[in-house]
N, C-alpha and C. Protein backbone atom coordinates (compact mmCIF):
# COMPACT_ATOMS: atom_id res chain seq x y z
N MET A 1 138.60 53.38 78.37
CA MET A 1 137.58 52.67 78.23
C MET A 1 136.86 52.87 77.23
N THR A 2 136.48 51.96 76.27
CA THR A 2 135.87 52.17 75.38
C THR A 2 133.99 51.98 75.46
N GLU A 3 133.26 52.85 74.97
CA GLU A 3 131.86 52.75 75.19
C GLU A 3 131.65 52.32 73.80
N VAL A 4 130.50 51.23 74.41
CA VAL A 4 129.79 50.33 73.31
C VAL A 4 128.29 50.41 73.62
N ASN A 5 127.80 50.06 72.34
CA ASN A 5 126.41 50.24 72.23
C ASN A 5 125.77 48.92 71.40
N GLY A 6 124.31 48.96 71.34
CA GLY A 6 123.92 47.86 70.67
C GLY A 6 124.61 47.27 69.12
N LYS A 7 125.16 48.44 68.74
CA LYS A 7 125.68 48.09 67.09
C LYS A 7 127.29 47.61 67.23
N THR A 8 127.70 47.88 68.69
CA THR A 8 129.36 47.49 68.80
C THR A 8 129.50 46.25 69.89
N PHE A 9 128.56 46.19 70.56
CA PHE A 9 128.35 45.03 71.69
C PHE A 9 128.91 43.80 70.83
N GLU A 10 128.46 43.34 70.03
CA GLU A 10 128.74 41.75 69.48
C GLU A 10 130.18 42.20 69.32
N GLN A 11 130.52 43.08 68.51
CA GLN A 11 132.21 42.56 67.93
C GLN A 11 132.95 43.18 69.32
N GLU A 12 132.61 43.93 70.15
CA GLU A 12 133.59 44.56 71.23
C GLU A 12 133.61 43.66 72.55
N VAL A 13 132.42 42.92 72.62
CA VAL A 13 132.41 42.12 73.79
C VAL A 13 132.17 40.51 73.56
N LEU A 14 131.09 39.96 72.82
CA LEU A 14 130.72 38.63 72.36
C LEU A 14 131.71 37.89 71.61
N GLN A 15 132.39 39.00 70.70
CA GLN A 15 133.45 38.05 69.89
C GLN A 15 134.99 38.43 70.23
N SER A 16 135.16 39.12 71.34
CA SER A 16 136.12 39.20 72.01
C SER A 16 137.16 38.17 72.26
N ASP A 17 138.69 38.26 71.92
CA ASP A 17 139.20 37.19 72.36
C ASP A 17 139.64 37.14 73.56
N LEU A 18 139.54 38.25 74.44
CA LEU A 18 139.89 38.44 75.82
C LEU A 18 138.53 38.19 76.71
N PRO A 19 138.52 38.00 77.81
CA PRO A 19 137.57 38.28 78.83
C PRO A 19 136.71 39.73 78.81
N VAL A 20 135.71 39.78 78.84
CA VAL A 20 135.34 41.33 79.32
C VAL A 20 134.27 41.65 80.31
N LEU A 21 134.77 43.02 80.95
CA LEU A 21 134.27 43.53 82.07
C LEU A 21 133.14 44.65 81.47
N VAL A 22 131.78 44.54 81.48
CA VAL A 22 131.00 45.87 81.13
C VAL A 22 130.59 46.43 82.18
N ASP A 23 130.63 47.51 82.08
CA ASP A 23 130.21 48.31 83.19
C ASP A 23 128.65 49.38 82.66
N PHE A 24 127.77 48.49 82.98
CA PHE A 24 126.25 49.00 82.60
C PHE A 24 126.01 50.28 83.53
N TYR A 25 126.00 51.80 83.18
CA TYR A 25 125.95 52.76 84.11
C TYR A 25 124.86 53.60 83.14
N ALA A 26 124.74 54.83 84.19
CA ALA A 26 123.95 56.20 83.51
C ALA A 26 124.72 57.21 83.79
N ASP A 27 124.69 58.39 83.15
CA ASP A 27 125.37 59.53 83.39
C ASP A 27 124.69 60.17 84.96
N TRP A 28 123.52 59.87 84.98
CA TRP A 28 122.63 60.64 86.24
C TRP A 28 122.95 59.67 87.28
N CYS A 29 123.56 58.62 87.42
CA CYS A 29 123.63 57.83 88.70
C CYS A 29 124.55 57.96 89.24
N GLY A 30 124.59 58.26 90.74
CA GLY A 30 125.96 58.68 91.72
C GLY A 30 126.91 57.42 91.76
N PRO A 31 125.85 56.41 92.40
CA PRO A 31 127.03 55.10 92.63
C PRO A 31 127.86 54.93 91.26
N CYS A 32 127.21 55.15 90.11
CA CYS A 32 127.92 54.85 88.57
C CYS A 32 129.15 55.59 88.80
N ARG A 33 129.17 56.97 88.89
CA ARG A 33 130.06 57.99 88.85
C ARG A 33 131.25 57.58 89.96
N MET A 34 130.97 57.26 91.21
CA MET A 34 131.89 56.96 92.06
C MET A 34 132.45 55.25 91.42
N MET A 35 132.00 54.54 90.74
CA MET A 35 132.38 53.19 90.32
C MET A 35 133.44 53.73 89.11
N ALA A 36 132.94 54.83 88.52
CA ALA A 36 133.99 54.83 86.99
C ALA A 36 135.55 54.99 87.39
N PRO A 37 136.00 55.65 88.01
CA PRO A 37 137.51 55.62 88.41
C PRO A 37 138.17 54.57 88.74
N VAL A 38 137.13 53.56 89.76
CA VAL A 38 137.89 52.02 89.96
C VAL A 38 137.97 51.31 88.81
N VAL A 39 136.68 51.24 88.00
CA VAL A 39 137.19 50.55 86.72
C VAL A 39 138.12 51.07 85.93
N ARG A 40 138.19 52.33 85.75
CA ARG A 40 139.38 52.80 84.89
C ARG A 40 140.75 52.52 85.75
N GLN A 41 140.99 52.86 86.81
CA GLN A 41 142.29 51.99 87.21
C GLN A 41 142.50 50.55 87.27
N LEU A 42 141.30 49.70 87.29
CA LEU A 42 141.73 48.37 87.21
C LEU A 42 141.70 48.09 85.33
N ALA A 43 141.26 48.47 84.45
CA ALA A 43 141.34 48.71 83.43
C ALA A 43 143.07 48.87 82.76
N GLU A 44 143.72 49.50 83.63
CA GLU A 44 144.88 49.74 83.08
C GLU A 44 145.63 48.50 83.87
N GLU A 45 145.25 48.40 85.04
CA GLU A 45 146.17 47.09 85.23
C GLU A 45 145.98 45.61 84.74
N TYR A 46 144.77 45.62 84.56
CA TYR A 46 144.40 44.27 83.71
C TYR A 46 144.50 44.43 82.22
N ALA A 47 145.15 45.08 81.62
CA ALA A 47 145.30 45.49 80.36
C ALA A 47 145.92 44.31 79.89
N GLY A 48 145.30 43.92 78.65
CA GLY A 48 146.08 42.46 77.67
C GLY A 48 145.58 41.18 78.33
N LYS A 49 144.92 41.51 79.40
CA LYS A 49 144.23 40.28 80.35
C LYS A 49 142.88 40.46 80.10
N VAL A 50 142.11 41.49 80.33
CA VAL A 50 140.73 41.75 80.60
C VAL A 50 140.25 43.08 79.77
N LYS A 51 139.40 42.92 78.89
CA LYS A 51 138.92 44.29 78.45
C LYS A 51 137.92 44.98 79.32
N MET A 52 137.77 46.03 79.30
CA MET A 52 136.76 46.59 80.02
C MET A 52 135.98 47.68 79.27
N VAL A 53 134.60 47.55 79.33
CA VAL A 53 134.19 48.54 78.36
C VAL A 53 132.84 49.04 78.93
N LYS A 54 132.35 50.20 78.75
CA LYS A 54 131.24 50.88 79.42
C LYS A 54 129.68 50.96 78.44
N VAL A 55 128.89 50.63 78.77
CA VAL A 55 127.55 50.54 78.37
C VAL A 55 126.63 51.72 79.04
N ASN A 56 126.01 52.81 78.25
CA ASN A 56 124.92 53.75 78.95
C ASN A 56 123.90 53.19 78.81
N VAL A 57 123.18 52.64 79.79
CA VAL A 57 122.01 51.95 79.75
C VAL A 57 120.93 52.92 79.05
N ASP A 58 120.70 54.28 79.26
CA ASP A 58 120.03 55.28 78.61
C ASP A 58 120.05 55.18 76.84
N GLN A 59 121.23 55.01 76.50
CA GLN A 59 121.38 55.05 75.15
C GLN A 59 121.17 53.56 74.77
N ALA A 60 121.55 52.45 75.43
CA ALA A 60 121.46 51.37 74.71
C ALA A 60 120.36 50.34 75.62
N GLN A 61 119.32 50.63 75.72
CA GLN A 61 118.25 50.11 76.60
C GLN A 61 118.22 48.68 76.43
N GLU A 62 118.23 48.29 75.22
CA GLU A 62 118.14 46.79 74.47
C GLU A 62 119.04 45.99 75.18
N LEU A 63 120.45 46.76 75.45
CA LEU A 63 121.12 45.49 76.11
C LEU A 63 120.78 45.38 77.42
N ALA A 64 120.71 46.61 78.12
CA ALA A 64 120.32 46.34 79.59
C ALA A 64 119.23 45.27 79.81
N VAL A 65 118.37 45.46 79.04
CA VAL A 65 116.95 44.40 79.00
C VAL A 65 117.39 43.20 78.66
N SER A 66 118.26 42.99 77.67
CA SER A 66 118.30 41.56 77.28
C SER A 66 119.38 40.68 78.31
N TYR A 67 120.09 41.72 79.11
CA TYR A 67 121.15 41.25 80.26
C TYR A 67 120.58 41.12 81.33
N GLY A 68 119.32 41.53 81.44
CA GLY A 68 118.65 41.81 82.87
C GLY A 68 119.21 42.76 83.93
N VAL A 69 119.93 43.55 83.20
CA VAL A 69 120.34 44.55 84.18
C VAL A 69 118.90 45.71 84.66
N SER A 70 118.52 45.56 85.86
CA SER A 70 117.76 46.16 86.19
C SER A 70 117.85 47.10 87.38
N SER A 71 119.18 47.25 87.73
CA SER A 71 119.80 48.42 88.66
C SER A 71 121.30 48.78 88.22
N ILE A 72 121.63 49.82 88.49
CA ILE A 72 123.05 50.07 88.18
C ILE A 72 123.88 50.74 89.12
N PRO A 73 124.98 50.68 89.04
CA PRO A 73 125.82 50.32 88.12
C PRO A 73 125.85 48.79 88.27
N THR A 74 125.72 47.86 87.25
CA THR A 74 125.87 46.66 87.17
C THR A 74 127.23 46.27 86.31
N LEU A 75 128.29 45.34 86.80
CA LEU A 75 129.42 45.32 86.40
C LEU A 75 128.84 43.54 85.87
N ALA A 76 129.09 43.31 84.58
CA ALA A 76 129.08 41.97 84.13
C ALA A 76 130.03 41.37 83.14
N TYR A 77 130.25 40.34 83.70
CA TYR A 77 131.74 39.61 83.11
C TYR A 77 131.38 38.67 82.13
N PHE A 78 131.81 38.65 81.11
CA PHE A 78 131.91 37.91 79.88
C PHE A 78 133.13 37.14 79.58
N GLN A 79 132.69 35.80 78.97
CA GLN A 79 134.29 35.26 78.30
C GLN A 79 133.37 34.28 77.65
N GLY A 80 133.96 34.04 76.35
CA GLY A 80 133.59 33.20 75.18
C GLY A 80 132.18 33.66 74.61
N GLY A 81 132.11 34.90 74.36
CA GLY A 81 130.68 35.42 74.32
C GLY A 81 129.74 34.90 75.14
N GLN A 82 129.54 34.65 76.37
CA GLN A 82 128.78 34.54 77.41
C GLN A 82 129.02 35.31 78.49
N MET A 83 127.71 35.55 79.06
CA MET A 83 127.94 36.41 80.05
C MET A 83 128.18 35.13 81.61
N ARG A 84 129.31 35.22 82.11
CA ARG A 84 129.56 34.36 83.28
C ARG A 84 129.22 34.82 84.66
N GLY A 85 128.99 36.28 84.80
CA GLY A 85 128.54 36.70 86.23
C GLY A 85 128.25 38.08 86.26
N ALA A 86 127.83 38.68 87.23
CA ALA A 86 127.67 40.13 87.37
C ALA A 86 127.57 40.47 88.93
N SER A 87 127.93 41.57 88.93
CA SER A 87 127.85 42.38 90.58
C SER A 87 127.17 43.43 90.17
N VAL A 88 126.31 43.99 91.16
CA VAL A 88 125.25 44.86 91.20
C VAL A 88 125.67 45.75 92.28
N GLY A 89 125.79 47.03 91.72
CA GLY A 89 125.91 48.29 93.04
C GLY A 89 127.45 48.69 93.00
N PHE A 90 127.55 49.64 93.91
CA PHE A 90 128.96 50.05 94.12
C PHE A 90 130.14 49.22 94.60
N LEU A 91 131.25 48.74 94.07
CA LEU A 91 132.09 47.99 94.89
C LEU A 91 133.38 48.82 95.04
N ALA A 92 133.90 48.58 96.48
CA ALA A 92 135.14 49.32 96.26
C ALA A 92 136.23 48.37 95.55
N ARG A 93 137.48 49.29 95.28
CA ARG A 93 138.76 48.69 94.12
C ARG A 93 138.80 47.04 94.55
N GLU A 94 139.13 46.99 95.99
CA GLU A 94 139.18 45.75 96.68
C GLU A 94 138.31 44.56 96.13
N ASP A 95 137.16 45.03 96.53
CA ASP A 95 135.85 44.24 96.46
C ASP A 95 135.95 43.80 94.89
N LEU A 96 135.90 44.66 93.80
CA LEU A 96 136.05 44.24 92.34
C LEU A 96 137.22 43.33 91.96
N GLU A 97 138.46 43.56 92.57
CA GLU A 97 139.29 42.76 92.25
C GLU A 97 139.23 41.50 92.59
N ARG A 98 138.39 41.20 94.06
CA ARG A 98 138.18 39.79 94.62
C ARG A 98 137.17 39.21 93.68
N LYS A 99 136.26 40.10 93.29
CA LYS A 99 135.46 39.48 92.18
C LYS A 99 136.21 38.93 90.98
N LEU A 100 136.91 40.01 90.38
CA LEU A 100 137.71 39.48 89.20
C LEU A 100 138.34 38.23 89.33
N ALA A 101 139.09 37.77 90.80
CA ALA A 101 139.75 36.67 91.05
C ALA A 101 138.74 35.55 91.03
N GLN A 102 137.36 35.94 91.32
CA GLN A 102 136.53 34.56 91.69
C GLN A 102 136.26 34.25 90.05
N TRP A 103 136.34 35.02 89.36
CA TRP A 103 135.91 34.77 87.73
C TRP A 103 137.26 34.06 87.09
N GLY A 104 138.09 34.08 88.01
CA GLY A 104 139.77 33.37 87.23
C GLY A 104 140.21 34.67 86.76
N GLN A 105 140.58 35.72 87.02
CA GLN A 105 141.42 36.95 86.57
C GLN A 105 142.19 37.67 87.43
N GLU A 106 143.83 37.49 87.17
CA GLU A 106 144.60 38.36 88.21
C GLU A 106 145.20 39.07 87.07
N PRO A 107 145.79 40.23 87.91
CA PRO A 107 146.39 41.73 87.04
C PRO A 107 147.75 41.10 86.66
């Protein structure tokens, strides 16, 4: 998974041809550490269909603020340069798969 920041967010997320799931996280966040392997596994399964990237909110606070991220982990779904949905807090793999399906994505 690619780590993006304020300099690379537009190119990696907003200009992406694929839908993008952005994992807003912090290294010190326990639920974020639990969420990381779930997102990594799904990144492999959805390869070529959904791009999955990470944003460290401690290093890219301006992105967190601009997208209303007030709690982490926040998983934000972008398509066509727009945020289409978000989920806050830890999600089990099955729950994240359901969320992706709600957003129109299948593996």
